[in-house]
C-alpha atoms as a PDB file:
ATOM      1  CA  MET A   1       1.545   3.964 -17.538  1.00  0.00           C
ATOM      2  CA  ARG A   2      -0.001   0.897 -15.937  1.00  0.00           C
ATOM      3  CA  GLN A   3      -3.600   1.184 -14.770  1.00  0.00           C
ATOM      4  CA  ILE A   4      -4.366  -0.265 -11.368  1.00  0.00           C
ATOM      5  CA  GLU A   5      -7.254  -2.675 -11.647  1.00  0.00           C
ATOM      6  CA  SER A   6      -9.566  -3.072  -8.717  1.00  0.00           C
ATOM      7  CA  ILE A   7     -10.406  -6.769  -8.694  1.00  0.00           C
ATOM      8  CA  ARG A   8     -11.637  -8.639  -5.671  1.00  0.00           C
ATOM      9  CA  THR A   9      -9.432 -11.687  -6.343  1.00  0.00           C
ATOM     10  CA  SER A  10      -6.094  -9.903  -5.940  1.00  0.00           C
ATOM     11  CA  ASP A  11      -3.026 -11.916  -5.064  1.00  0.00           C
ATOM     12  CA  PHE A  12      -1.163  -9.260  -3.039  1.00  0.00           C
ATOM     13  CA  ARG A  13      -2.150  -7.088  -0.113  1.00  0.00           C
ATOM     14  CA  ILE A  14      -0.420  -3.902   1.030  1.00  0.00           C
ATOM     15  CA  GLU A  15      -1.119  -3.661   4.748  1.00  0.00           C
ATOM     16  CA  SER A  16      -0.160  -1.777   7.876  1.00  0.00           C
ATOM     17  CA  ASN A  17      -1.167  -1.492  11.503  1.00  0.00           C
ATOM     18  CA  ARG A  18      -1.710   2.241  10.798  1.00  0.00           C
ATOM     19  CA  THR A  19      -3.473   4.226   8.072  1.00  0.00           C
ATOM     20  CA  LEU A  20      -1.784   4.083   4.653  1.00  0.00           C
ATOM     21  CA  MET A  21      -1.364   7.324   2.710  1.00  0.00           C
ATOM     22  CA  SER A  22       0.252   8.126  -0.630  1.00  0.00           C
ATOM     23  CA  ALA A  23      -0.118  10.929  -3.135  1.00  0.00           C
ATOM     24  CA  HIS A  24       0.644   8.368  -5.860  1.00  0.00           C
ATOM     25  CA  TRP A  25      -2.643   6.501  -5.458  1.00  0.00           C
ATOM     26  CA  ALA A  26      -5.106   9.249  -4.641  1.00  0.00           C
ATOM     27  CA  VAL A  27      -7.364   7.892  -7.399  1.00  0.00           C
ATOM     28  CA  LEU A  28      -7.634   4.196  -8.266  1.00  0.00           C
ATOM     29  CA  GLY A  29      -9.752   3.096 -11.194  1.00  0.00           C
ATOM     30  CA  GLY A  30     -11.475   6.478 -11.427  1.00  0.00           C
ATOM     31  CA  GLU A  31     -12.681   6.369  -7.808  1.00  0.00           C
ATOM     32  CA  MET A  32     -11.323   8.335  -4.879  1.00  0.00           C
ATOM     33  CA  VAL A  33      -9.503   6.217  -2.321  1.00  0.00           C
ATOM     34  CA  THR A  34     -10.481   6.646   1.308  1.00  0.00           C
ATOM     35  CA  PRO A  35      -7.793   6.243   3.987  1.00  0.00           C
ATOM     36  CA  THR A  36      -7.343   2.591   4.836  1.00  0.00           C
ATOM     37  CA  ASN A  37      -4.823   0.178   6.318  1.00  0.00           C
ATOM     38  CA  GLU A  38      -5.114  -2.393   3.501  1.00  0.00           C
ATOM     39  CA  ILE A  39      -5.071  -2.316  -0.325  1.00  0.00           C
ATOM     40  CA  MET A  40      -5.434  -5.296  -2.630  1.00  0.00           C
ATOM     41  CA  VAL A  41      -3.260  -5.372  -5.790  1.00  0.00           C
ATOM     42  CA  HIS A  42      -3.191  -7.903  -8.634  1.00  0.00           C
ATOM     43  CA  ASP A  43       0.525  -7.659  -9.526  1.00  0.00           C
ATOM     44  CA  ARG A  44       3.547  -8.379  -7.319  1.00  0.00           C
ATOM     45  CA  SER A  45       5.879  -5.721  -8.716  1.00  0.00           C
ATOM     46  CA  LEU A  46       3.135  -3.099  -8.652  1.00  0.00           C
ATOM     47  CA  ALA A  47       2.321  -3.938  -5.025  1.00  0.00           C
ATOM     48  CA  VAL A  48       5.964  -3.585  -3.968  1.00  0.00           C
ATOM     49  CA  ALA A  49       6.397  -0.307  -5.878  1.00  0.00           C
ATOM     50  CA  MET A  50       3.222   1.132  -4.337  1.00  0.00           C
ATOM     51  CA  ALA A  51       4.251   0.033  -0.840  1.00  0.00           C
ATOM     52  CA  ALA A  52       7.706   1.559  -1.258  1.00  0.00           C
ATOM     53  CA  LYS A  53       6.136   4.975  -1.981  1.00  0.00           C
ATOM     54  CA  THR A  54       3.551   4.761   0.782  1.00  0.00           C
ATOM     55  CA  ARG A  55       3.647   6.305   4.261  1.00  0.00           C
ATOM     56  CA  THR A  56       1.701   5.607   7.443  1.00  0.00           C
ATOM     57  CA  VAL A  57      -0.300   8.100   9.467  1.00  0.00           C
ATOM     58  CA  PRO A  58       0.690   8.575  12.230  1.00  0.00           C
ATOM     59  CA  CYS A  59       4.372   7.988  11.509  1.00  0.00           C
ATOM     60  CA  GLY A  60       6.292   4.992  12.762  1.00  0.00           C
ATOM     61  CA  GLY A  61       4.163   2.168  11.345  1.00  0.00           C
ATOM     62  CA  GLU A  62       5.301  -0.824   9.345  1.00  0.00           C
ATOM     63  CA  ILE A  63       4.157  -1.383   5.750  1.00  0.00           C
ATOM     64  CA  ARG A  64       4.066  -4.922   4.360  1.00  0.00           C
ATOM     65  CA  VAL A  65       3.212  -6.598   1.060  1.00  0.00           C
ATOM     66  CA  VAL A  66       1.680 -10.023   1.656  1.00  0.00           C
ATOM     67  CA  HIS A  67       1.078 -12.769  -0.915  1.00  0.00           C
ATOM     68  CA  THR A  68      -2.517 -13.538   0.060  1.00  0.00           C
ATOM     69  CA  PRO A  69      -2.721 -17.218  -0.997  1.00  0.00           C
ATOM     70  CA  THR A  70       0.300 -18.197   1.136  1.00  0.00           C
ATOM     71  CA  GLY A  71       0.476 -15.409   3.729  1.00  0.00           C
ATOM     72  CA  GLU A  72       4.166 -14.858   2.917  1.00  0.00           C
ATOM     73  CA  VAL A  73       5.452 -11.326   3.538  1.00  0.00           C
ATOM     74  CA  ILE A  74       7.383 -10.410   0.374  1.00  0.00           C
ATOM     75  CA  PHE A  75       8.223  -6.789   1.246  1.00  0.00           C
ATOM     76  CA  ARG A  76       8.478  -4.913   4.520  1.00  0.00           C
ATOM     77  CA  LYS A  77       9.515  -1.384   5.451  1.00  0.00           C
ATOM     78  CA  LEU A  78       9.360   0.777   8.549  1.00  0.00           C
ATOM     79  CA  ASN A  79       8.011   4.280   8.123  1.00  0.00           C
ATOM     80  CA  GLU A  80      10.473   6.763   9.583  1.00  0.00           C
ATOM     81  CA  CYS A  81       9.121   9.391  11.967  1.00  0.00           C
ATOM     82  CA  GLY A  82      10.378  12.310   9.874  1.00  0.00           C
ATOM     83  CA  CYS A  83       7.517  11.763   7.441  1.00  0.00           C
ATOM     84  CA  ALA A  84       5.217  14.495   8.842  1.00  0.00           C
ATOM     85  CA  ILE A  85       7.089  16.985   6.631  1.00  0.00           C
ATOM     86  CA  TRP A  86       6.343  14.834   3.549  1.00  0.00           C
ATOM     87  CA  PHE A  87       2.601  15.512   3.810  1.00  0.00           C
END
């Protein structure tokens, strides 16, 4: 299992215009994660995998993975409104 490192110089950002929620990253690096609309990740494939399993609250938001040095969006998904059952 890969440990998620919390470094300030991460190359990828998972972002949304709404609050991001996922049961898969309730604890990062031994610390509880507070609800946020942005998470920094050091690895491209890890960022995409985390974003794919993430939902927005309230439903209907867009989730993106952005390469921070260039600003290029490398992954994008729309959160479907049937997600209220998921939580």
